[in-house]
Amino acid sequence: MNQPFLFPNLAAEPPNDNLAAEDYHPTAVHRLPQYFSPPAQQPAQETPREITGGRLTFNLFLLGLTILTTTFSVGLFWLRSFWKGVVYSFTVLSILAAHEMGHYIACRWYGVRATLPYFIPMPFPPVGTFGAFIKIKSPIPSRRALFDIGIAGPLAGFVFAIPAAFIAHYFAEPAIPAEMIEDSITIHRPLLFKFFEYALNLPPLVELNPVISNPVMWAAWIGVFMTSLNLLPVGQLDGGHVTYAVFGQRGHRMIALASYISVIALAIYTVRDGMWNWVVYAALLTLVMRIGHPPVANEYEPLGLARILVAIIGLLVFVLSFMPFPITF
């Protein structure tokens, strides 16, 4: 705080030698000499609002379109039932919304500017959506903040995927053996699904073909599969954020490169059998690798034991969700 300088009144008559006289009063002079430039008045910068009427309307518009595409394109053309499409849409969008809101709430906790989730509609079966994302619009302050923001989404989405997978297996019916169907598509099961098969004492072949299965099974499969892809430790994917926070910039770069090479190897191997699952994702990861990962403000903040344990839980979620060969023909 700037205090005014106190000088005697130079314009008045010279004061008496006795400075304690009653008629002596110090005068505050607020005008500084010319060689002291007064501080410039800085206008107050107002933090931009991320949630406005127009932006909220656009978010809801995309959500509405995604509800339509997941209900009709998947329900009518893939599940062959409008009501199955409704159940599928509600289940898969609940998992995706929980995932993105986990990121959003973590951003708000650390004061990081972020948008509400943008849902991406896809008017074609068998998924009906390209997923959802939020846009982070300010730097992430520390490694702890980066870790919490990165891991919050997959854990929140997986929490919603677990009851969906349980319900799907509880009401599952025996499937027709794939060998008896010509030109059939085999949809492989992640370890989470195999766990529920074992826990509920189900037969080895349960209904997973989305054309004849209950829609919750297909929605849970999509949610778990998307979770595993997001947890790949590459670039600015969720797994990339967590890897950067745990191992730092150099460790993130090495692990990301190893993961990228592994995906390329999977793509080459699966193309030989006529599958193009990993080819598309390898192309997307190429773009992610080129963008890289931005640094955080505090690179040297330790995570602590609690977050290391949460990172191990995140690794377990990846193991339960990942499928080297999701779909085969």
C-alpha atoms as a PDB file:
ATOM      1  CA  MET A   1       0.000   0.000   0.000  1.00  0.00           C
ATOM      2  CA  ASN A   2       1.380   3.413  -0.999  1.00  0.00           C
ATOM      3  CA  GLN A   3       1.508   5.901   1.903  1.00  0.00           C
ATOM      4  CA  PRO A   4       1.415   9.694   1.242  1.00  0.00           C
ATOM      5  CA  PHE A   5       4.717  11.553   1.807  1.00  0.00           C
ATOM      6  CA  LEU A   6       4.679  14.051   4.671  1.00  0.00           C
ATOM      7  CA  PHE A   7       6.482  17.362   4.167  1.00  0.00           C
ATOM      8  CA  PRO A   8       6.168  20.690   5.906  1.00  0.00           C
ATOM      9  CA  ASN A   9       4.097  23.308   4.125  1.00  0.00           C
ATOM     10  CA  LEU A  10       6.831  24.931   2.005  1.00  0.00           C
ATOM     11  CA  ALA A  11       4.494  27.601   0.712  1.00  0.00           C
ATOM     12  CA  ALA A  12       3.875  28.968   4.188  1.00  0.00           C
ATOM     13  CA  GLU A  13       6.223  31.130   6.233  1.00  0.00           C
ATOM     14  CA  PRO A  14       9.308  29.350   7.577  1.00  0.00           C
ATOM     15  CA  PRO A  15       8.508  27.562  10.749  1.00  0.00           C
ATOM     16  CA  ASN A  16       9.923  28.669  14.087  1.00  0.00           C
ATOM     17  CA  ASP A  17      12.847  26.847  15.582  1.00  0.00           C
ATOM     18  CA  ASN A  18      10.465  25.373  18.098  1.00  0.00           C
ATOM     19  CA  LEU A  19       8.835  22.606  16.005  1.00  0.00           C
ATOM     20  CA  ALA A  20       6.540  21.800  18.854  1.00  0.00           C
ATOM     21  CA  ALA A  21       4.715  25.102  18.435  1.00  0.00           C
ATOM     22  CA  GLU A  22       0.943  24.844  18.331  1.00  0.00           C
ATOM     23  CA  ASP A  23       0.604  26.515  14.896  1.00  0.00           C
ATOM     24  CA  TYR A  24       2.829  23.933  13.142  1.00  0.00           C
ATOM     25  CA  HIS A  25       0.886  21.263  11.201  1.00  0.00           C
ATOM     26  CA  PRO A  26       2.473  18.840   8.665  1.00  0.00           C
ATOM     27  CA  THR A  27       0.895  18.911   5.230  1.00  0.00           C
ATOM     28  CA  ALA A  28       0.457  15.806   3.013  1.00  0.00           C
ATOM     29  CA  VAL A  29       1.811  16.388  -0.468  1.00  0.00           C
ATOM     30  CA  HIS A  30       0.352  13.781  -2.887  1.00  0.00           C
ATOM     31  CA  ARG A  31       2.079  15.100  -6.020  1.00  0.00           C
ATOM     32  CA  LEU A  32       5.385  13.291  -6.524  1.00  0.00           C
ATOM     33  CA  PRO A  33       8.354  14.822  -8.376  1.00  0.00           C
ATOM     34  CA  GLN A  34       8.382  14.459 -12.152  1.00  0.00           C
ATOM     35  CA  TYR A  35      11.011  11.701 -12.193  1.00  0.00           C
ATOM     36  CA  PHE A  36       8.657   9.359 -10.271  1.00  0.00           C
ATOM     37  CA  SER A  37       6.152   8.106 -12.846  1.00  0.00           C
ATOM     38  CA  PRO A  38       2.848   7.208 -11.194  1.00  0.00           C
ATOM     39  CA  PRO A  39       1.827   3.557 -11.493  1.00  0.00           C
ATOM     40  CA  ALA A  40      -0.468   2.865 -14.412  1.00  0.00           C
ATOM     41  CA  GLN A  41      -3.968   1.825 -13.481  1.00  0.00           C
ATOM     42  CA  GLN A  42      -4.481  -1.783 -14.578  1.00  0.00           C
ATOM     43  CA  PRO A  43      -8.020  -2.628 -15.576  1.00  0.00           C
ATOM     44  CA  ALA A  44      -9.482  -5.484 -13.597  1.00  0.00           C
ATOM     45  CA  GLN A  45      -9.483  -8.630 -15.682  1.00  0.00           C
ATOM     46  CA  GLU A  46     -12.672 -10.583 -15.352  1.00  0.00           C
ATOM     47  CA  THR A  47     -12.400 -14.354 -15.690  1.00  0.00           C
ATOM     48  CA  PRO A  48     -14.341 -15.435 -18.757  1.00  0.00           C
ATOM     49  CA  ARG A  49     -17.453 -17.432 -18.032  1.00  0.00           C
ATOM     50  CA  GLU A  50     -17.275 -20.939 -19.448  1.00  0.00           C
ATOM     51  CA  ILE A  51     -20.987 -21.602 -18.983  1.00  0.00           C
ATOM     52  CA  THR A  52     -23.132 -19.124 -20.877  1.00  0.00           C
ATOM     53  CA  GLY A  53     -26.588 -19.445 -22.330  1.00  0.00           C
ATOM     54  CA  GLY A  54     -25.321 -19.886 -25.867  1.00  0.00           C
ATOM     55  CA  ARG A  55     -22.653 -22.444 -24.952  1.00  0.00           C
ATOM     56  CA  LEU A  56     -25.042 -24.409 -22.774  1.00  0.00           C
ATOM     57  CA  THR A  57     -27.574 -24.485 -25.607  1.00  0.00           C
ATOM     58  CA  PHE A  58     -24.918 -25.823 -27.985  1.00  0.00           C
ATOM     59  CA  ASN A  59     -23.881 -28.520 -25.480  1.00  0.00           C
ATOM     60  CA  LEU A  60     -27.494 -29.589 -25.042  1.00  0.00           C
ATOM     61  CA  PHE A  61     -28.014 -29.554 -28.817  1.00  0.00           C
ATOM     62  CA  LEU A  62     -25.118 -31.969 -29.335  1.00  0.00           C
ATOM     63  CA  LEU A  63     -26.386 -34.139 -26.487  1.00  0.00           C
ATOM     64  CA  GLY A  64     -29.842 -34.243 -28.076  1.00  0.00           C
ATOM     65  CA  LEU A  65     -28.392 -35.246 -31.444  1.00  0.00           C
ATOM     66  CA  THR A  66     -26.326 -37.972 -29.786  1.00  0.00           C
ATOM     67  CA  ILE A  67     -29.422 -39.299 -28.008  1.00  0.00           C
ATOM     68  CA  LEU A  68     -31.152 -39.533 -31.385  1.00  0.00           C
ATOM     69  CA  THR A  69     -28.251 -41.255 -33.140  1.00  0.00           C
ATOM     70  CA  THR A  70     -27.664 -43.769 -30.353  1.00  0.00           C
ATOM     71  CA  THR A  71     -31.390 -44.493 -30.075  1.00  0.00           C
ATOM     72  CA  PHE A  72     -32.364 -44.775 -33.727  1.00  0.00           C
ATOM     73  CA  SER A  73     -29.228 -45.735 -35.670  1.00  0.00           C
ATOM     74  CA  VAL A  74     -28.194 -48.344 -33.100  1.00  0.00           C
ATOM     75  CA  GLY A  75     -31.670 -49.316 -31.923  1.00  0.00           C
ATOM     76  CA  LEU A  76     -33.384 -49.731 -35.291  1.00  0.00           C
ATOM     77  CA  PHE A  77     -30.494 -50.793 -37.529  1.00  0.00           C
ATOM     78  CA  TRP A  78     -28.304 -52.750 -35.109  1.00  0.00           C
ATOM     79  CA  LEU A  79     -30.383 -53.932 -32.160  1.00  0.00           C
ATOM     80  CA  ARG A  80     -33.546 -54.064 -34.329  1.00  0.00           C
ATOM     81  CA  SER A  81     -35.757 -52.570 -31.639  1.00  0.00           C
ATOM     82  CA  PHE A  82     -36.617 -48.988 -30.759  1.00  0.00           C
ATOM     83  CA  TRP A  83     -36.917 -49.732 -27.043  1.00  0.00           C
ATOM     84  CA  LYS A  84     -33.600 -51.561 -27.034  1.00  0.00           C
ATOM     85  CA  GLY A  85     -32.174 -48.428 -28.628  1.00  0.00           C
ATOM     86  CA  VAL A  86     -33.580 -46.313 -25.797  1.00  0.00           C
ATOM     87  CA  VAL A  87     -32.011 -48.576 -23.167  1.00  0.00           C
ATOM     88  CA  TYR A  88     -28.710 -48.659 -25.047  1.00  0.00           C
ATOM     89  CA  SER A  89     -28.647 -44.873 -25.436  1.00  0.00           C
ATOM     90  CA  PHE A  90     -29.331 -44.266 -21.739  1.00  0.00           C
ATOM     91  CA  THR A  91     -26.677 -46.765 -20.637  1.00  0.00           C
ATOM     92  CA  VAL A  92     -23.840 -45.774 -22.941  1.00  0.00           C
ATOM     93  CA  LEU A  93     -24.423 -42.023 -22.519  1.00  0.00           C
ATOM     94  CA  SER A  94     -24.498 -42.423 -18.728  1.00  0.00           C
ATOM     95  CA  ILE A  95     -21.043 -44.032 -18.852  1.00  0.00           C
ATOM     96  CA  LEU A  96     -19.682 -41.354 -21.211  1.00  0.00           C
ATOM     97  CA  ALA A  97     -21.243 -38.512 -19.198  1.00  0.00           C
ATOM     98  CA  ALA A  98     -19.805 -39.848 -15.931  1.00  0.00           C
ATOM     99  CA  HIS A  99     -16.388 -40.060 -17.579  1.00  0.00           C
ATOM    100  CA  GLU A 100     -16.386 -36.467 -18.812  1.00  0.00           C
ATOM    101  CA  MET A 101     -17.982 -35.024 -15.681  1.00  0.00           C
ATOM    102  CA  GLY A 102     -15.206 -36.650 -13.674  1.00  0.00           C
ATOM    103  CA  HIS A 103     -12.725 -34.582 -15.675  1.00  0.00           C
ATOM    104  CA  TYR A 104     -14.874 -31.453 -15.409  1.00  0.00           C
ATOM    105  CA  ILE A 105     -15.367 -31.615 -11.631  1.00  0.00           C
ATOM    106  CA  ALA A 106     -11.637 -32.194 -11.109  1.00  0.00           C
ATOM    107  CA  CYS A 107     -10.897 -29.139 -13.272  1.00  0.00           C
ATOM    108  CA  ARG A 108     -13.288 -27.007 -11.216  1.00  0.00           C
ATOM    109  CA  TRP A 109     -11.689 -28.298  -7.998  1.00  0.00           C
ATOM    110  CA  TYR A 110      -8.278 -26.988  -9.087  1.00  0.00           C
ATOM    111  CA  GLY A 111      -9.577 -23.782 -10.675  1.00  0.00           C
ATOM    112  CA  VAL A 112      -8.713 -24.930 -14.200  1.00  0.00           C
ATOM    113  CA  ARG A 113     -10.959 -23.465 -16.873  1.00  0.00           C
ATOM    114  CA  ALA A 114     -12.839 -26.157 -18.776  1.00  0.00           C
ATOM    115  CA  THR A 115     -15.981 -26.474 -20.857  1.00  0.00           C
ATOM    116  CA  LEU A 116     -18.930 -28.727 -20.220  1.00  0.00           C
ATOM    117  CA  PRO A 117     -18.849 -32.040 -22.134  1.00  0.00           C
ATOM    118  CA  TYR A 118     -19.339 -31.988 -25.892  1.00  0.00           C
ATOM    119  CA  PHE A 119     -21.041 -35.172 -27.125  1.00  0.00           C
ATOM    120  CA  ILE A 120     -20.240 -36.175 -30.698  1.00  0.00           C
ATOM    121  CA  PRO A 121     -23.107 -37.836 -32.606  1.00  0.00           C
ATOM    122  CA  MET A 122     -22.490 -40.459 -35.279  1.00  0.00           C
ATOM    123  CA  PRO A 123     -25.519 -41.328 -37.433  1.00  0.00           C
ATOM    124  CA  PHE A 124     -24.306 -44.857 -38.181  1.00  0.00           C
ATOM    125  CA  PRO A 125     -24.403 -48.115 -36.252  1.00  0.00           C
ATOM    126  CA  PRO A 126     -23.065 -49.935 -34.326  1.00  0.00           C
ATOM    127  CA  VAL A 127     -22.071 -47.264 -31.762  1.00  0.00           C
ATOM    128  CA  GLY A 128     -24.039 -44.110 -32.654  1.00  0.00           C
ATOM    129  CA  THR A 129     -21.467 -41.756 -31.138  1.00  0.00           C
ATOM    130  CA  PHE A 130     -17.795 -40.865 -31.383  1.00  0.00           C
ATOM    131  CA  GLY A 131     -17.749 -40.283 -27.630  1.00  0.00           C
ATOM    132  CA  ALA A 132     -17.488 -37.020 -25.730  1.00  0.00           C
ATOM    133  CA  PHE A 133     -14.811 -34.590 -24.604  1.00  0.00           C
ATOM    134  CA  ILE A 134     -14.228 -31.446 -22.581  1.00  0.00           C
ATOM    135  CA  LYS A 135     -11.892 -28.655 -23.608  1.00  0.00           C
ATOM    136  CA  ILE A 136      -9.372 -27.451 -21.002  1.00  0.00           C
ATOM    137  CA  LYS A 137      -8.727 -23.745 -21.572  1.00  0.00           C
ATOM    138  CA  SER A 138      -6.092 -22.830 -18.988  1.00  0.00           C
ATOM    139  CA  PRO A 139      -2.748 -24.318 -17.896  1.00  0.00           C
ATOM    140  CA  ILE A 140      -2.762 -27.143 -15.357  1.00  0.00           C
ATOM    141  CA  PRO A 141      -0.878 -25.883 -12.296  1.00  0.00           C
ATOM    142  CA  SER A 142       0.852 -28.995 -10.942  1.00  0.00           C
ATOM    143  CA  ARG A 143       1.497 -32.699 -11.351  1.00  0.00           C
ATOM    144  CA  ARG A 144      -1.062 -33.500  -8.666  1.00  0.00           C
ATOM    145  CA  ALA A 145      -3.708 -31.508 -10.501  1.00  0.00           C
ATOM    146  CA  LEU A 146      -2.768 -33.194 -13.783  1.00  0.00           C
ATOM    147  CA  PHE A 147      -2.993 -36.628 -12.170  1.00  0.00           C
ATOM    148  CA  ASP A 148      -6.373 -35.976 -10.541  1.00  0.00           C
ATOM    149  CA  ILE A 149      -7.872 -34.473 -13.712  1.00  0.00           C
ATOM    150  CA  GLY A 150      -6.552 -37.316 -15.862  1.00  0.00           C
ATOM    151  CA  ILE A 151      -7.588 -40.226 -13.646  1.00  0.00           C
ATOM    152  CA  ALA A 152     -10.975 -38.849 -12.554  1.00  0.00           C
ATOM    153  CA  GLY A 153     -12.637 -39.501 -15.922  1.00  0.00           C
ATOM    154  CA  PRO A 154     -11.762 -43.195 -16.406  1.00  0.00           C
ATOM    155  CA  LEU A 155     -12.512 -44.047 -12.785  1.00  0.00           C
ATOM    156  CA  ALA A 156     -15.896 -42.278 -12.862  1.00  0.00           C
ATOM    157  CA  GLY A 157     -16.866 -43.909 -16.146  1.00  0.00           C
ATOM    158  CA  PHE A 158     -15.739 -47.338 -14.915  1.00  0.00           C
ATOM    159  CA  VAL A 159     -17.839 -46.947 -11.769  1.00  0.00           C
ATOM    160  CA  PHE A 160     -20.896 -46.628 -14.041  1.00  0.00           C
ATOM    161  CA  ALA A 161     -19.726 -49.424 -16.354  1.00  0.00           C
ATOM    162  CA  ILE A 162     -19.473 -51.979 -13.525  1.00  0.00           C
ATOM    163  CA  PRO A 163     -23.208 -52.076 -12.636  1.00  0.00           C
ATOM    164  CA  ALA A 164     -24.094 -51.993 -16.342  1.00  0.00           C
ATOM    165  CA  ALA A 165     -21.891 -55.039 -16.956  1.00  0.00           C
ATOM    166  CA  PHE A 166     -23.365 -56.810 -13.917  1.00  0.00           C
ATOM    167  CA  ILE A 167     -26.948 -56.198 -15.058  1.00  0.00           C
ATOM    168  CA  ALA A 168     -26.053 -57.308 -18.589  1.00  0.00           C
ATOM    169  CA  HIS A 169     -24.618 -60.597 -17.377  1.00  0.00           C
ATOM    170  CA  TYR A 170     -27.357 -61.185 -14.823  1.00  0.00           C
ATOM    171  CA  PHE A 171     -29.971 -61.135 -17.603  1.00  0.00           C
ATOM    172  CA  ALA A 172     -27.737 -62.729 -20.260  1.00  0.00           C
ATOM    173  CA  GLU A 173     -28.904 -65.705 -22.293  1.00  0.00           C
ATOM    174  CA  PRO A 174     -26.859 -68.454 -23.955  1.00  0.00           C
ATOM    175  CA  ALA A 175     -25.396 -67.421 -27.272  1.00  0.00           C
ATOM    176  CA  ILE A 176     -25.419 -69.309 -30.546  1.00  0.00           C
ATOM    177  CA  PRO A 177     -21.952 -70.787 -31.186  1.00  0.00           C
ATOM    178  CA  ALA A 178     -20.106 -68.660 -33.721  1.00  0.00           C
ATOM    179  CA  GLU A 179     -18.981 -71.745 -35.660  1.00  0.00           C
ATOM    180  CA  MET A 180     -22.589 -72.404 -36.683  1.00  0.00           C
ATOM    181  CA  ILE A 181     -23.084 -68.997 -38.289  1.00  0.00           C
ATOM    182  CA  GLU A 182     -21.591 -68.107 -41.646  1.00  0.00           C
ATOM    183  CA  ASP A 183     -19.783 -64.774 -41.990  1.00  0.00           C
ATOM    184  CA  SER A 184     -20.267 -64.129 -38.285  1.00  0.00           C
ATOM    185  CA  ILE A 185     -18.649 -61.368 -36.228  1.00  0.00           C
ATOM    186  CA  THR A 186     -17.062 -62.442 -32.960  1.00  0.00           C
ATOM    187  CA  ILE A 187     -17.072 -59.774 -30.265  1.00  0.00           C
ATOM    188  CA  HIS A 188     -14.504 -60.683 -27.644  1.00  0.00           C
ATOM    189  CA  ARG A 189     -14.998 -60.054 -23.940  1.00  0.00           C
ATOM    190  CA  PRO A 190     -12.747 -58.026 -21.637  1.00  0.00           C
ATOM    191  CA  LEU A 191     -11.574 -59.441 -18.324  1.00  0.00           C
ATOM    192  CA  LEU A 192     -14.321 -57.523 -16.508  1.00  0.00           C
ATOM    193  CA  PHE A 193     -16.963 -59.466 -18.418  1.00  0.00           C
ATOM    194  CA  LYS A 194     -15.171 -62.764 -17.794  1.00  0.00           C
ATOM    195  CA  PHE A 195     -15.109 -61.942 -14.083  1.00  0.00           C
ATOM    196  CA  PHE A 196     -18.901 -61.587 -14.006  1.00  0.00           C
ATOM    197  CA  GLU A 197     -19.271 -64.808 -16.001  1.00  0.00           C
ATOM    198  CA  TYR A 198     -17.274 -66.581 -13.322  1.00  0.00           C
ATOM    199  CA  ALA A 199     -18.945 -64.790 -10.390  1.00  0.00           C
ATOM    200  CA  LEU A 200     -22.464 -65.544 -11.676  1.00  0.00           C
ATOM    201  CA  ASN A 201     -21.523 -69.089 -12.762  1.00  0.00           C
ATOM    202  CA  LEU A 202     -22.547 -68.451 -16.350  1.00  0.00           C
ATOM    203  CA  PRO A 203     -21.767 -70.784 -19.250  1.00  0.00           C
ATOM    204  CA  PRO A 204     -18.711 -69.947 -21.355  1.00  0.00           C
ATOM    205  CA  LEU A 205     -20.820 -68.561 -24.208  1.00  0.00           C
ATOM    206  CA  VAL A 206     -23.156 -65.808 -23.117  1.00  0.00           C
ATOM    207  CA  GLU A 207     -25.124 -63.518 -25.339  1.00  0.00           C
ATOM    208  CA  LEU A 208     -22.835 -60.769 -26.611  1.00  0.00           C
ATOM    209  CA  ASN A 209     -23.789 -60.491 -30.277  1.00  0.00           C
ATOM    210  CA  PRO A 210     -25.466 -57.049 -30.266  1.00  0.00           C
ATOM    211  CA  VAL A 211     -28.095 -58.087 -32.818  1.00  0.00           C
ATOM    212  CA  ILE A 212     -29.681 -60.587 -30.452  1.00  0.00           C
ATOM    213  CA  SER A 213     -28.367 -59.508 -27.042  1.00  0.00           C
ATOM    214  CA  ASN A 214     -29.798 -57.233 -24.412  1.00  0.00           C
ATOM    215  CA  PRO A 215     -28.778 -53.621 -25.122  1.00  0.00           C
ATOM    216  CA  VAL A 216     -27.116 -53.121 -21.730  1.00  0.00           C
ATOM    217  CA  MET A 217     -24.489 -55.695 -22.677  1.00  0.00           C
ATOM    218  CA  TRP A 218     -23.570 -53.826 -25.842  1.00  0.00           C
ATOM    219  CA  ALA A 219     -23.539 -50.439 -24.084  1.00  0.00           C
ATOM    220  CA  ALA A 220     -21.331 -51.783 -21.287  1.00  0.00           C
ATOM    221  CA  TRP A 221     -18.967 -53.292 -23.861  1.00  0.00           C
ATOM    222  CA  ILE A 222     -18.698 -49.961 -25.703  1.00  0.00           C
ATOM    223  CA  GLY A 223     -18.127 -48.071 -22.443  1.00  0.00           C
ATOM    224  CA  VAL A 224     -15.420 -50.455 -21.256  1.00  0.00           C
ATOM    225  CA  PHE A 225     -13.725 -50.473 -24.665  1.00  0.00           C
ATOM    226  CA  MET A 226     -13.639 -46.653 -24.815  1.00  0.00           C
ATOM    227  CA  THR A 227     -12.239 -46.560 -21.280  1.00  0.00           C
ATOM    228  CA  SER A 228      -9.363 -48.832 -22.287  1.00  0.00           C
ATOM    229  CA  LEU A 229      -8.550 -46.687 -25.325  1.00  0.00           C
ATOM    230  CA  ASN A 230      -8.528 -43.516 -23.234  1.00  0.00           C
ATOM    231  CA  LEU A 231      -6.170 -45.117 -20.721  1.00  0.00           C
ATOM    232  CA  LEU A 232      -3.464 -45.778 -23.304  1.00  0.00           C
ATOM    233  CA  PRO A 233      -0.405 -43.836 -22.007  1.00  0.00           C
ATOM    234  CA  VAL A 234       0.009 -41.714 -25.126  1.00  0.00           C
ATOM    235  CA  GLY A 235      -0.020 -37.934 -25.636  1.00  0.00           C
ATOM    236  CA  GLN A 236      -2.909 -36.078 -24.027  1.00  0.00           C
ATOM    237  CA  LEU A 237      -5.135 -39.104 -23.580  1.00  0.00           C
ATOM    238  CA  ASP A 238      -6.205 -39.787 -20.003  1.00  0.00           C
ATOM    239  CA  GLY A 239      -3.516 -42.422 -19.663  1.00  0.00           C
ATOM    240  CA  GLY A 240      -1.001 -39.930 -21.042  1.00  0.00           C
ATOM    241  CA  HIS A 241      -1.935 -37.398 -18.344  1.00  0.00           C
ATOM    242  CA  VAL A 242      -1.543 -40.003 -15.605  1.00  0.00           C
ATOM    243  CA  THR A 243       1.771 -41.270 -17.015  1.00  0.00           C
ATOM    244  CA  TYR A 244       3.150 -37.724 -17.267  1.00  0.00           C
ATOM    245  CA  ALA A 245       2.130 -37.000 -13.663  1.00  0.00           C
ATOM    246  CA  VAL A 246       3.681 -40.216 -12.322  1.00  0.00           C
ATOM    247  CA  PHE A 247       6.872 -40.506 -14.400  1.00  0.00           C
ATOM    248  CA  GLY A 248       7.516 -36.944 -15.545  1.00  0.00           C
ATOM    249  CA  GLN A 249       8.151 -35.631 -19.041  1.00  0.00           C
ATOM    250  CA  ARG A 250      10.968 -38.024 -20.005  1.00  0.00           C
ATOM    251  CA  GLY A 251       9.221 -41.115 -18.629  1.00  0.00           C
ATOM    252  CA  HIS A 252       6.003 -40.130 -20.386  1.00  0.00           C
ATOM    253  CA  ARG A 253       7.824 -39.808 -23.708  1.00  0.00           C
ATOM    254  CA  MET A 254       9.434 -43.248 -23.438  1.00  0.00           C
ATOM    255  CA  ILE A 255       6.253 -45.051 -22.325  1.00  0.00           C
ATOM    256  CA  ALA A 256       4.183 -43.284 -24.981  1.00  0.00           C
ATOM    257  CA  LEU A 257       6.615 -44.354 -27.708  1.00  0.00           C
ATOM    258  CA  ALA A 258       6.564 -47.975 -26.523  1.00  0.00           C
ATOM    259  CA  SER A 259       2.747 -47.980 -26.431  1.00  0.00           C
ATOM    260  CA  TYR A 260       2.550 -46.428 -29.892  1.00  0.00           C
ATOM    261  CA  ILE A 261       4.864 -49.095 -31.335  1.00  0.00           C
ATOM    262  CA  SER A 262       2.737 -51.793 -29.688  1.00  0.00           C
ATOM    263  CA  VAL A 263      -0.429 -50.414 -31.296  1.00  0.00           C
ATOM    264  CA  ILE A 264       1.310 -50.326 -34.691  1.00  0.00           C
ATOM    265  CA  ALA A 265       2.298 -53.980 -34.206  1.00  0.00           C
ATOM    266  CA  LEU A 266      -1.289 -54.894 -33.308  1.00  0.00           C
ATOM    267  CA  ALA A 267      -2.536 -53.066 -36.395  1.00  0.00           C
ATOM    268  CA  ILE A 268      -0.144 -54.957 -38.677  1.00  0.00           C
ATOM    269  CA  TYR A 269      -1.017 -58.293 -37.083  1.00  0.00           C
ATOM    270  CA  THR A 270      -4.796 -57.805 -37.234  1.00  0.00           C
ATOM    271  CA  VAL A 271      -4.795 -56.599 -40.850  1.00  0.00           C
ATOM    272  CA  ARG A 272      -3.508 -60.026 -41.850  1.00  0.00           C
ATOM    273  CA  ASP A 273      -6.801 -61.472 -40.560  1.00  0.00           C
ATOM    274  CA  GLY A 274      -8.928 -58.834 -42.266  1.00  0.00           C
ATOM    275  CA  MET A 275      -9.481 -56.683 -39.176  1.00  0.00           C
ATOM    276  CA  TRP A 276      -8.976 -52.930 -39.265  1.00  0.00           C
ATOM    277  CA  ASN A 277      -9.725 -52.069 -35.620  1.00  0.00           C
ATOM    278  CA  TRP A 278      -6.248 -50.993 -34.638  1.00  0.00           C
ATOM    279  CA  VAL A 279      -5.379 -49.445 -37.999  1.00  0.00           C
ATOM    280  CA  VAL A 280      -7.858 -46.630 -37.442  1.00  0.00           C
ATOM    281  CA  TYR A 281      -6.701 -46.107 -33.875  1.00  0.00           C
ATOM    282  CA  ALA A 282      -3.044 -46.194 -34.873  1.00  0.00           C
ATOM    283  CA  ALA A 283      -3.761 -43.339 -37.286  1.00  0.00           C
ATOM    284  CA  LEU A 284      -5.412 -41.359 -34.482  1.00  0.00           C
ATOM    285  CA  LEU A 285      -2.503 -42.053 -32.135  1.00  0.00           C
ATOM    286  CA  THR A 286      -0.109 -40.765 -34.783  1.00  0.00           C
ATOM    287  CA  LEU A 287      -1.842 -37.384 -34.559  1.00  0.00           C
ATOM    288  CA  VAL A 288      -1.836 -37.533 -30.752  1.00  0.00           C
ATOM    289  CA  MET A 289       1.897 -38.288 -30.715  1.00  0.00           C
ATOM    290  CA  ARG A 290       2.624 -35.321 -32.976  1.00  0.00           C
ATOM    291  CA  ILE A 291       0.774 -32.936 -30.674  1.00  0.00           C
ATOM    292  CA  GLY A 292       2.643 -34.157 -27.602  1.00  0.00           C
ATOM    293  CA  HIS A 293       1.933 -33.241 -23.996  1.00  0.00           C
ATOM    294  CA  PRO A 294       2.265 -29.685 -22.620  1.00  0.00           C
ATOM    295  CA  PRO A 295       4.298 -29.158 -19.434  1.00  0.00           C
ATOM    296  CA  VAL A 296       2.686 -28.255 -16.123  1.00  0.00           C
ATOM    297  CA  ALA A 297       3.581 -25.223 -14.020  1.00  0.00           C
ATOM    298  CA  ASN A 298       5.051 -27.243 -11.138  1.00  0.00           C
ATOM    299  CA  GLU A 299       7.015 -30.164 -12.590  1.00  0.00           C
ATOM    300  CA  TYR A 300       8.645 -31.242  -9.320  1.00  0.00           C
ATOM    301  CA  GLU A 301       5.674 -31.611  -6.991  1.00  0.00           C
ATOM    302  CA  PRO A 302       5.617 -35.138  -5.496  1.00  0.00           C
ATOM    303  CA  LEU A 303       2.400 -37.097  -5.951  1.00  0.00           C
ATOM    304  CA  GLY A 304       2.419 -38.849  -2.595  1.00  0.00           C
ATOM    305  CA  LEU A 305       1.589 -42.433  -1.665  1.00  0.00           C
ATOM    306  CA  ALA A 306      -2.192 -42.048  -1.962  1.00  0.00           C
ATOM    307  CA  ARG A 307      -2.039 -41.009  -5.616  1.00  0.00           C
ATOM    308  CA  ILE A 308       0.441 -43.771  -6.412  1.00  0.00           C
ATOM    309  CA  LEU A 309      -2.110 -46.263  -5.065  1.00  0.00           C
ATOM    310  CA  VAL A 310      -4.826 -44.630  -7.186  1.00  0.00           C
ATOM    311  CA  ALA A 311      -2.503 -44.945 -10.203  1.00  0.00           C
ATOM    312  CA  ILE A 312      -2.261 -48.689  -9.517  1.00  0.00           C
ATOM    313  CA  ILE A 313      -6.073 -48.823  -9.433  1.00  0.00           C
ATOM    314  CA  GLY A 314      -6.111 -47.033 -12.787  1.00  0.00           C
ATOM    315  CA  LEU A 315      -3.710 -49.656 -14.165  1.00  0.00           C
ATOM    316  CA  LEU A 316      -6.049 -52.380 -12.901  1.00  0.00           C
ATOM    317  CA  VAL A 317      -8.976 -50.685 -14.666  1.00  0.00           C
ATOM    318  CA  PHE A 318      -6.951 -50.699 -17.891  1.00  0.00           C
ATOM    319  CA  VAL A 319      -6.155 -54.414 -17.519  1.00  0.00           C
ATOM    320  CA  LEU A 320      -9.830 -55.266 -16.879  1.00  0.00           C
ATOM    321  CA  SER A 321     -10.942 -53.197 -19.889  1.00  0.00           C
ATOM    322  CA  PHE A 322      -8.301 -53.731 -22.568  1.00  0.00           C
ATOM    323  CA  MET A 323      -8.863 -56.214 -25.414  1.00  0.00           C
ATOM    324  CA  PRO A 324      -6.013 -56.902 -27.850  1.00  0.00           C
ATOM    325  CA  PHE A 325      -8.531 -58.238 -30.373  1.00  0.00           C
ATOM    326  CA  PRO A 326     -11.902 -56.546 -29.747  1.00  0.00           C
ATOM    327  CA  ILE A 327     -13.695 -57.830 -32.864  1.00  0.00           C
ATOM    328  CA  THR A 328     -12.762 -60.623 -35.234  1.00  0.00           C
ATOM    329  CA  PHE A 329     -14.460 -61.955 -38.356  1.00  0.00           C
END
